[in-house]
Amino acid sequence: MIAAWAAVFLLAAWIIAGWIWDLAAPAPYAPPLAVAADSQKAADAVAARHWFGSDAVAPGDGKHVASYQLLGAMTGSGNKPGFAIISETGKPPMPVVEGEEFAPGVRLERVLPRAVEVRRQGATERLELPEKSAAGGKS
């Protein structure tokens, strides 16, 4: 008789423990849905929000050749091209899709995770993202 009560007690404890584990368990992971986004629209949306600085840029002195600075990069996925936010001296940041010519004779050739390759007058140049400082990005 005691063995029967012990078996009932263990079965009840096992069922209650299962319910508690079900209630206390975190929600199952749901992977993000793949969104087919147009690279140019995504680049325009990022640039419009000025996440990489304001669009008010001091005019250049006109004495030197324009230089470019990489402000942000998003690599491509599958057959979707990547894009970058590039700033030219004296001009506001502009979104550029991989393979696009964004200035006369200047083409965005390749987007990498922390850099881009730009072809200017037949020569390939590499623009790197600025390094973050040790103080959390503040200088």
Protein backbone atom coordinates (compact mmCIF):
# COMPACT_ATOMS: atom_id res chain seq x y z
CA MET A 1 0.00 0.00 0.00
CA ILE A 2 2.82 2.39 0.82
CA ALA A 3 4.47 1.59 -2.51
CA ALA A 4 1.27 2.51 -4.36
CA TRP A 5 1.05 5.89 -2.56
CA ALA A 6 4.74 6.51 -3.26
CA ALA A 7 4.17 5.80 -6.97
CA VAL A 8 1.16 8.18 -7.07
CA PHE A 9 3.18 10.87 -5.26
CA LEU A 10 6.13 10.52 -7.70
CA LEU A 11 3.81 10.63 -10.72
CA ALA A 12 2.08 13.77 -9.41
CA ALA A 13 5.43 15.42 -8.66
CA TRP A 14 6.65 14.58 -12.16
CA ILE A 15 3.53 16.10 -13.79
CA ILE A 16 3.69 19.27 -11.66
CA ALA A 17 7.41 19.68 -12.42
CA GLY A 18 6.65 19.42 -16.13
CA TRP A 19 4.03 22.15 -15.87
CA ILE A 20 6.43 24.42 -13.98
CA TRP A 21 9.16 23.86 -16.59
CA ASP A 22 6.70 24.68 -19.37
CA LEU A 23 5.61 27.91 -17.66
CA ALA A 24 9.13 29.00 -16.70
CA ALA A 25 10.82 28.18 -20.01
CA PRO A 26 11.71 31.08 -22.33
CA ALA A 27 9.77 31.52 -25.54
CA PRO A 28 11.12 29.50 -28.46
CA TYR A 29 13.50 31.34 -30.78
CA ALA A 30 11.89 32.61 -33.96
CA PRO A 31 14.49 33.51 -36.61
CA PRO A 32 13.99 36.86 -38.33
CA LEU A 33 12.09 36.77 -41.58
CA ALA A 34 14.05 37.39 -44.75
CA VAL A 35 12.95 40.67 -46.29
CA ALA A 36 13.52 41.30 -49.96
CA ALA A 37 14.59 44.94 -49.79
CA ASP A 38 15.84 47.11 -52.62
CA SER A 39 19.44 48.10 -51.86
CA GLN A 40 19.00 51.66 -53.16
CA LYS A 41 15.89 52.23 -51.02
CA ALA A 42 17.66 50.84 -47.96
CA ALA A 43 20.71 53.04 -48.59
CA ASP A 44 18.50 56.13 -49.07
CA ALA A 45 16.62 55.39 -45.85
CA VAL A 46 19.85 55.05 -43.85
CA ALA A 47 21.31 58.26 -45.30
CA ALA A 48 18.08 60.20 -44.74
CA ARG A 49 18.21 59.51 -41.00
CA HIS A 50 21.73 60.97 -40.71
CA TRP A 51 22.91 58.10 -38.49
CA PHE A 52 26.46 58.73 -39.63
CA GLY A 53 26.58 62.48 -38.99
CA SER A 54 24.57 65.52 -40.00
CA ASP A 55 24.14 66.63 -43.58
CA ALA A 56 25.52 70.07 -42.80
CA VAL A 57 29.13 69.89 -43.99
CA ALA A 58 31.48 72.84 -44.12
CA PRO A 59 32.37 73.80 -47.68
CA GLY A 60 35.84 72.76 -48.87
CA ASP A 61 38.57 75.25 -49.67
CA GLY A 62 38.70 74.13 -53.32
CA LYS A 63 42.52 73.83 -53.26
CA HIS A 64 42.73 70.03 -53.16
CA VAL A 65 41.20 67.03 -54.88
CA ALA A 66 38.03 65.73 -53.25
CA SER A 67 38.59 63.01 -50.68
CA TYR A 68 36.08 60.45 -49.53
CA GLN A 69 35.32 59.06 -46.10
CA LEU A 70 33.42 55.86 -45.39
CA LEU A 71 30.73 56.45 -42.78
CA GLY A 72 28.85 53.15 -42.93
CA ALA A 73 28.75 49.89 -44.87
CA MET A 74 26.19 47.11 -45.29
CA THR A 75 27.42 44.02 -47.13
CA GLY A 76 25.20 42.35 -49.69
CA SER A 77 23.30 39.12 -49.15
CA GLY A 78 22.85 36.48 -51.81
CA ASN A 79 22.19 38.29 -55.08
CA LYS A 80 21.42 41.61 -53.34
CA PRO A 81 24.25 44.17 -53.63
CA GLY A 82 25.70 45.88 -50.59
CA PHE A 83 25.69 49.61 -50.05
CA ALA A 84 27.75 52.23 -48.27
CA ILE A 85 27.33 55.73 -46.89
CA ILE A 86 30.20 57.83 -48.24
CA SER A 87 30.98 61.46 -47.54
CA GLU A 88 32.88 63.64 -49.97
CA THR A 89 34.77 66.68 -48.72
CA GLY A 90 32.39 69.64 -48.58
CA LYS A 91 29.27 67.62 -49.41
CA PRO A 92 26.62 65.78 -47.37
CA PRO A 93 26.85 61.98 -46.98
CA MET A 94 25.44 59.98 -49.89
CA PRO A 95 24.16 56.41 -50.18
CA VAL A 96 25.96 54.37 -52.83
CA VAL A 97 25.00 50.88 -54.02
CA GLU A 98 27.73 48.38 -54.91
CA GLY A 99 28.63 48.74 -58.60
CA GLU A 100 27.29 52.31 -58.84
CA GLU A 101 29.29 55.30 -60.06
CA PHE A 102 28.77 58.06 -57.49
CA ALA A 103 31.03 60.74 -58.94
CA PRO A 104 32.57 61.19 -62.39
CA GLY A 105 35.15 58.40 -62.74
CA VAL A 106 34.55 57.06 -59.20
CA ARG A 107 32.76 53.73 -58.73
CA LEU A 108 31.96 51.66 -55.63
CA GLU A 109 33.44 48.28 -56.61
CA ARG A 110 33.06 46.14 -53.48
CA VAL A 111 31.52 46.43 -50.01
CA LEU A 112 33.31 44.62 -47.17
CA PRO A 113 32.24 44.40 -43.50
CA ARG A 114 34.46 47.32 -42.35
CA ALA A 115 35.67 48.80 -45.63
CA VAL A 116 34.84 49.42 -49.28
CA GLU A 117 36.88 49.29 -52.45
CA VAL A 118 36.48 52.29 -54.76
CA ARG A 119 37.83 52.49 -58.30
CA ARG A 120 38.98 56.02 -59.14
CA GLN A 121 40.54 56.70 -62.55
CA GLY A 122 41.43 53.02 -63.01
CA ALA A 123 43.08 52.58 -59.60
CA THR A 124 41.42 50.72 -56.73
CA GLU A 125 41.44 52.48 -53.36
CA ARG A 126 40.27 51.08 -50.05
CA LEU A 127 38.24 53.23 -47.67
CA GLU A 128 38.11 51.95 -44.07
CA LEU A 129 35.52 52.73 -41.42
CA PRO A 130 36.98 54.92 -38.67
CA GLU A 131 38.12 52.94 -35.63
CA LYS A 132 36.13 53.32 -32.44
CA SER A 133 38.05 54.82 -29.55
CA ALA A 134 38.52 52.88 -26.29
CA ALA A 135 36.15 55.32 -24.52
CA GLY A 136 33.04 53.92 -26.25
CA GLY A 137 33.26 55.98 -29.41
CA LYS A 138 33.78 59.34 -27.66
CA SER A 139 36.95 61.31 -28.23
